[in-house]
Amino acid sequence: MPALQIRNLDQGIYDSIVVLAKEENRSIAQQTTVLLRSALKLDAKEFQLRNALKTIKNIQIKEPHRRFPTSEELIREDRDR
């Protein structure tokens, strides 16, 4: 399994990891792995959201004549069904 070494880690960050590890009954390495895994999942979701927004903007740029309906129009359309 790969190893990771972090140099010049801020003492406050290290202390926070130690406290979290003790609270969760984990080693420092296990707690760091949990934190990294959690952060990467958030980054992946943020990345997907940014790509979706970029796609929407590209549609609006490429097709300026295409107008998205307002919420009022969508509600009216739904009620008329």
N, C-alpha and C. Protein backbone atom coordinates (compact mmCIF):
# COMPACT_ATOMS: atom_id res chain seq x y z
N MET A 1 0.85 -1.17 0.00
CA MET A 1 0.00 0.00 0.00
C MET A 1 0.90 1.24 0.00
N PRO A 2 0.55 2.25 -0.77
CA PRO A 2 1.37 3.46 -0.84
C PRO A 2 1.42 4.21 0.50
N ALA A 3 2.49 4.93 0.70
CA ALA A 3 2.66 5.74 1.90
C ALA A 3 2.71 7.21 1.49
N LEU A 4 2.33 8.07 2.41
CA LEU A 4 2.33 9.50 2.16
C LEU A 4 3.04 10.19 3.31
N GLN A 5 3.97 11.06 2.96
CA GLN A 5 4.69 11.82 3.98
C GLN A 5 4.42 13.29 3.73
N ILE A 6 4.05 14.00 4.77
CA ILE A 6 3.77 15.42 4.64
C ILE A 6 4.79 16.19 5.47
N ARG A 7 5.51 17.05 4.82
CA ARG A 7 6.51 17.85 5.52
C ARG A 7 5.94 19.24 5.82
N ASN A 8 6.45 19.83 6.86
CA ASN A 8 6.06 21.19 7.27
C ASN A 8 4.56 21.32 7.49
N LEU A 9 3.97 20.29 8.07
CA LEU A 9 2.54 20.33 8.41
C LEU A 9 2.34 21.28 9.58
N ASP A 10 1.37 22.14 9.45
CA ASP A 10 1.05 23.09 10.50
C ASP A 10 0.71 22.33 11.79
N GLN A 11 1.26 22.77 12.89
CA GLN A 11 1.06 22.08 14.17
C GLN A 11 -0.41 22.03 14.56
N GLY A 12 -1.16 23.07 14.24
CA GLY A 12 -2.59 23.10 14.55
C GLY A 12 -3.37 22.02 13.81
N ILE A 13 -3.00 21.80 12.56
CA ILE A 13 -3.66 20.75 11.78
C ILE A 13 -3.36 19.39 12.38
N TYR A 14 -2.08 19.18 12.71
CA TYR A 14 -1.68 17.90 13.30
C TYR A 14 -2.42 17.67 14.62
N ASP A 15 -2.48 18.68 15.45
CA ASP A 15 -3.17 18.55 16.74
C ASP A 15 -4.65 18.23 16.56
N SER A 16 -5.27 18.84 15.55
CA SER A 16 -6.68 18.58 15.27
C SER A 16 -6.90 17.14 14.84
N ILE A 17 -5.99 16.62 14.01
CA ILE A 17 -6.09 15.23 13.57
C ILE A 17 -5.92 14.29 14.75
N VAL A 18 -4.99 14.61 15.64
CA VAL A 18 -4.77 13.77 16.83
C VAL A 18 -6.03 13.73 17.70
N VAL A 19 -6.65 14.89 17.92
CA VAL A 19 -7.87 14.95 18.73
C VAL A 19 -8.99 14.14 18.07
N LEU A 20 -9.19 14.34 16.77
CA LEU A 20 -10.23 13.59 16.06
C LEU A 20 -9.98 12.09 16.11
N ALA A 21 -8.71 11.71 15.94
CA ALA A 21 -8.35 10.29 15.98
C ALA A 21 -8.68 9.68 17.34
N LYS A 22 -8.37 10.39 18.40
CA LYS A 22 -8.67 9.90 19.75
C LYS A 22 -10.18 9.77 19.95
N GLU A 23 -10.93 10.77 19.47
CA GLU A 23 -12.39 10.74 19.63
C GLU A 23 -13.01 9.57 18.88
N GLU A 24 -12.44 9.21 17.75
CA GLU A 24 -12.98 8.14 16.90
C GLU A 24 -12.29 6.80 17.13
N ASN A 25 -11.38 6.75 18.11
CA ASN A 25 -10.62 5.53 18.41
C ASN A 25 -9.90 4.99 17.17
N ARG A 26 -9.23 5.89 16.48
CA ARG A 26 -8.46 5.53 15.29
C ARG A 26 -7.02 5.97 15.47
N SER A 27 -6.17 5.39 14.65
CA SER A 27 -4.79 5.88 14.63
C SER A 27 -4.77 7.18 13.85
N ILE A 28 -3.68 7.90 13.96
CA ILE A 28 -3.54 9.16 13.21
C ILE A 28 -3.60 8.88 11.71
N ALA A 29 -2.95 7.79 11.28
CA ALA A 29 -2.96 7.43 9.86
C ALA A 29 -4.38 7.11 9.39
N GLN A 30 -5.12 6.33 10.19
CA GLN A 30 -6.50 6.00 9.82
C GLN A 30 -7.37 7.26 9.74
N GLN A 31 -7.22 8.14 10.72
CA GLN A 31 -8.02 9.36 10.74
C GLN A 31 -7.69 10.25 9.54
N THR A 32 -6.41 10.35 9.21
CA THR A 32 -6.00 11.15 8.06
C THR A 32 -6.58 10.57 6.77
N THR A 33 -6.60 9.25 6.67
CA THR A 33 -7.19 8.60 5.49
C THR A 33 -8.68 8.91 5.40
N VAL A 34 -9.38 8.86 6.52
CA VAL A 34 -10.81 9.17 6.54
C VAL A 34 -11.05 10.61 6.11
N LEU A 35 -10.25 11.52 6.63
CA LEU A 35 -10.40 12.94 6.28
C LEU A 35 -10.12 13.18 4.80
N LEU A 36 -9.08 12.57 4.27
CA LEU A 36 -8.76 12.74 2.85
C LEU A 36 -9.85 12.15 1.97
N ARG A 37 -10.33 10.97 2.33
CA ARG A 37 -11.39 10.34 1.55
C ARG A 37 -12.64 11.22 1.54
N SER A 38 -12.98 11.78 2.67
CA SER A 38 -14.15 12.66 2.78
C SER A 38 -13.96 13.92 1.95
N ALA A 39 -12.78 14.52 2.03
CA ALA A 39 -12.51 15.75 1.26
C ALA A 39 -12.55 15.48 -0.23
N LEU A 40 -12.03 14.35 -0.67
CA LEU A 40 -12.02 14.04 -2.09
C LEU A 40 -13.42 13.79 -2.63
N LYS A 41 -14.29 13.21 -1.83
CA LYS A 41 -15.68 13.03 -2.27
C LYS A 41 -16.35 14.37 -2.45
N LEU A 42 -16.10 15.30 -1.55
CA LEU A 42 -16.67 16.63 -1.69
C LEU A 42 -16.13 17.32 -2.93
N ASP A 43 -14.82 17.18 -3.17
CA ASP A 43 -14.23 17.79 -4.35
C ASP A 43 -14.80 17.19 -5.63
N ALA A 44 -15.06 15.89 -5.62
CA ALA A 44 -15.64 15.25 -6.80
C ALA A 44 -17.04 15.78 -7.08
N LYS A 45 -17.84 15.97 -6.03
CA LYS A 45 -19.19 16.51 -6.21
C LYS A 45 -19.13 17.95 -6.71
N GLU A 46 -18.21 18.72 -6.15
CA GLU A 46 -18.05 20.11 -6.59
C GLU A 46 -17.61 20.15 -8.05
N PHE A 47 -16.72 19.25 -8.44
CA PHE A 47 -16.25 19.16 -9.82
C PHE A 47 -17.42 18.85 -10.76
N GLN A 48 -18.28 17.90 -10.37
CA GLN A 48 -19.43 17.55 -11.19
C GLN A 48 -20.38 18.73 -11.33
N LEU A 49 -20.59 19.45 -10.24
CA LEU A 49 -21.48 20.61 -10.27
C LEU A 49 -20.92 21.70 -11.18
N ARG A 50 -19.62 21.95 -11.08
CA ARG A 50 -19.02 22.97 -11.95
C ARG A 50 -19.13 22.58 -13.42
N ASN A 51 -18.94 21.30 -13.73
CA ASN A 51 -19.07 20.85 -15.11
C ASN A 51 -20.51 21.02 -15.61
N ALA A 52 -21.47 20.73 -14.75
CA ALA A 52 -22.87 20.90 -15.13
C ALA A 52 -23.18 22.37 -15.41
N LEU A 53 -22.69 23.25 -14.55
CA LEU A 53 -22.91 24.68 -14.77
C LEU A 53 -22.23 25.17 -16.03
N LYS A 54 -21.04 24.66 -16.30
CA LYS A 54 -20.33 25.04 -17.52
C LYS A 54 -21.11 24.59 -18.76
N THR A 55 -21.70 23.39 -18.70
CA THR A 55 -22.50 22.89 -19.81
C THR A 55 -23.71 23.78 -20.05
N ILE A 56 -24.37 24.18 -18.97
CA ILE A 56 -25.53 25.07 -19.10
C ILE A 56 -25.14 26.40 -19.73
N LYS A 57 -24.02 26.95 -19.28
CA LYS A 57 -23.56 28.22 -19.86
C LYS A 57 -23.23 28.06 -21.33
N ASN A 58 -22.61 26.93 -21.71
CA ASN A 58 -22.29 26.70 -23.12
C ASN A 58 -23.54 26.60 -23.96
N ILE A 59 -24.58 25.99 -23.44
CA ILE A 59 -25.85 25.89 -24.17
C ILE A 59 -26.40 27.30 -24.40
N GLN A 60 -26.33 28.13 -23.38
CA GLN A 60 -26.86 29.49 -23.51
C GLN A 60 -26.05 30.30 -24.50
N ILE A 61 -24.74 30.08 -24.56
CA ILE A 61 -23.89 30.82 -25.49
C ILE A 61 -24.10 30.33 -26.92
N LYS A 62 -24.16 29.01 -27.12
CA LYS A 62 -24.30 28.44 -28.46
C LYS A 62 -25.70 28.63 -29.03
N GLU A 63 -26.67 28.67 -28.15
CA GLU A 63 -28.05 28.79 -28.60
C GLU A 63 -28.73 29.97 -27.89
N PRO A 64 -28.32 31.19 -28.23
CA PRO A 64 -28.89 32.34 -27.52
C PRO A 64 -30.40 32.52 -27.74
N HIS A 65 -30.91 31.98 -28.85
CA HIS A 65 -32.34 32.10 -29.12
C HIS A 65 -33.16 31.17 -28.22
N ARG A 66 -32.49 30.16 -27.68
CA ARG A 66 -33.17 29.21 -26.80
C ARG A 66 -33.30 29.83 -25.42
N ARG A 67 -34.54 30.02 -25.01
CA ARG A 67 -34.79 30.65 -23.72
C ARG A 67 -35.35 29.60 -22.76
N PHE A 68 -34.81 29.60 -21.57
CA PHE A 68 -35.32 28.68 -20.56
C PHE A 68 -36.58 29.28 -19.95
N PRO A 69 -37.60 28.44 -19.72
CA PRO A 69 -38.85 28.97 -19.17
C PRO A 69 -38.67 29.44 -17.73
N THR A 70 -39.48 30.43 -17.35
CA THR A 70 -39.45 30.92 -15.97
C THR A 70 -40.19 29.92 -15.09
N SER A 71 -40.02 30.06 -13.80
CA SER A 71 -40.72 29.16 -12.88
C SER A 71 -42.23 29.34 -13.00
N GLU A 72 -42.64 30.57 -13.24
CA GLU A 72 -44.08 30.82 -13.41
C GLU A 72 -44.62 30.07 -14.63
N GLU A 73 -43.90 30.11 -15.73
CA GLU A 73 -44.33 29.41 -16.94
C GLU A 73 -44.38 27.89 -16.71
N LEU A 74 -43.41 27.36 -15.99
CA LEU A 74 -43.40 25.93 -15.71
C LEU A 74 -44.58 25.52 -14.83
N ILE A 75 -44.88 26.32 -13.84
CA ILE A 75 -46.01 26.01 -12.96
C ILE A 75 -47.32 26.08 -13.73
N ARG A 76 -47.48 27.12 -14.58
CA ARG A 76 -48.69 27.26 -15.38
C ARG A 76 -48.86 26.07 -16.33
N GLU A 77 -47.75 25.65 -16.94
CA GLU A 77 -47.79 24.52 -17.86
C GLU A 77 -48.20 23.25 -17.11
N ASP A 78 -47.67 23.08 -15.91
CA ASP A 78 -48.00 21.90 -15.12
C ASP A 78 -49.47 21.90 -14.71
N ARG A 79 -50.00 23.05 -14.36
CA ARG A 79 -51.39 23.14 -13.94
C ARG A 79 -52.36 22.92 -15.10
N ASP A 80 -51.92 23.27 -16.30
CA ASP A 80 -52.79 23.12 -17.47
C ASP A 80 -52.89 21.69 -17.97
N ARG A 81 -52.09 20.81 -17.44
CA ARG A 81 -52.14 19.40 -17.89
C ARG A 81 -53.36 18.70 -17.42
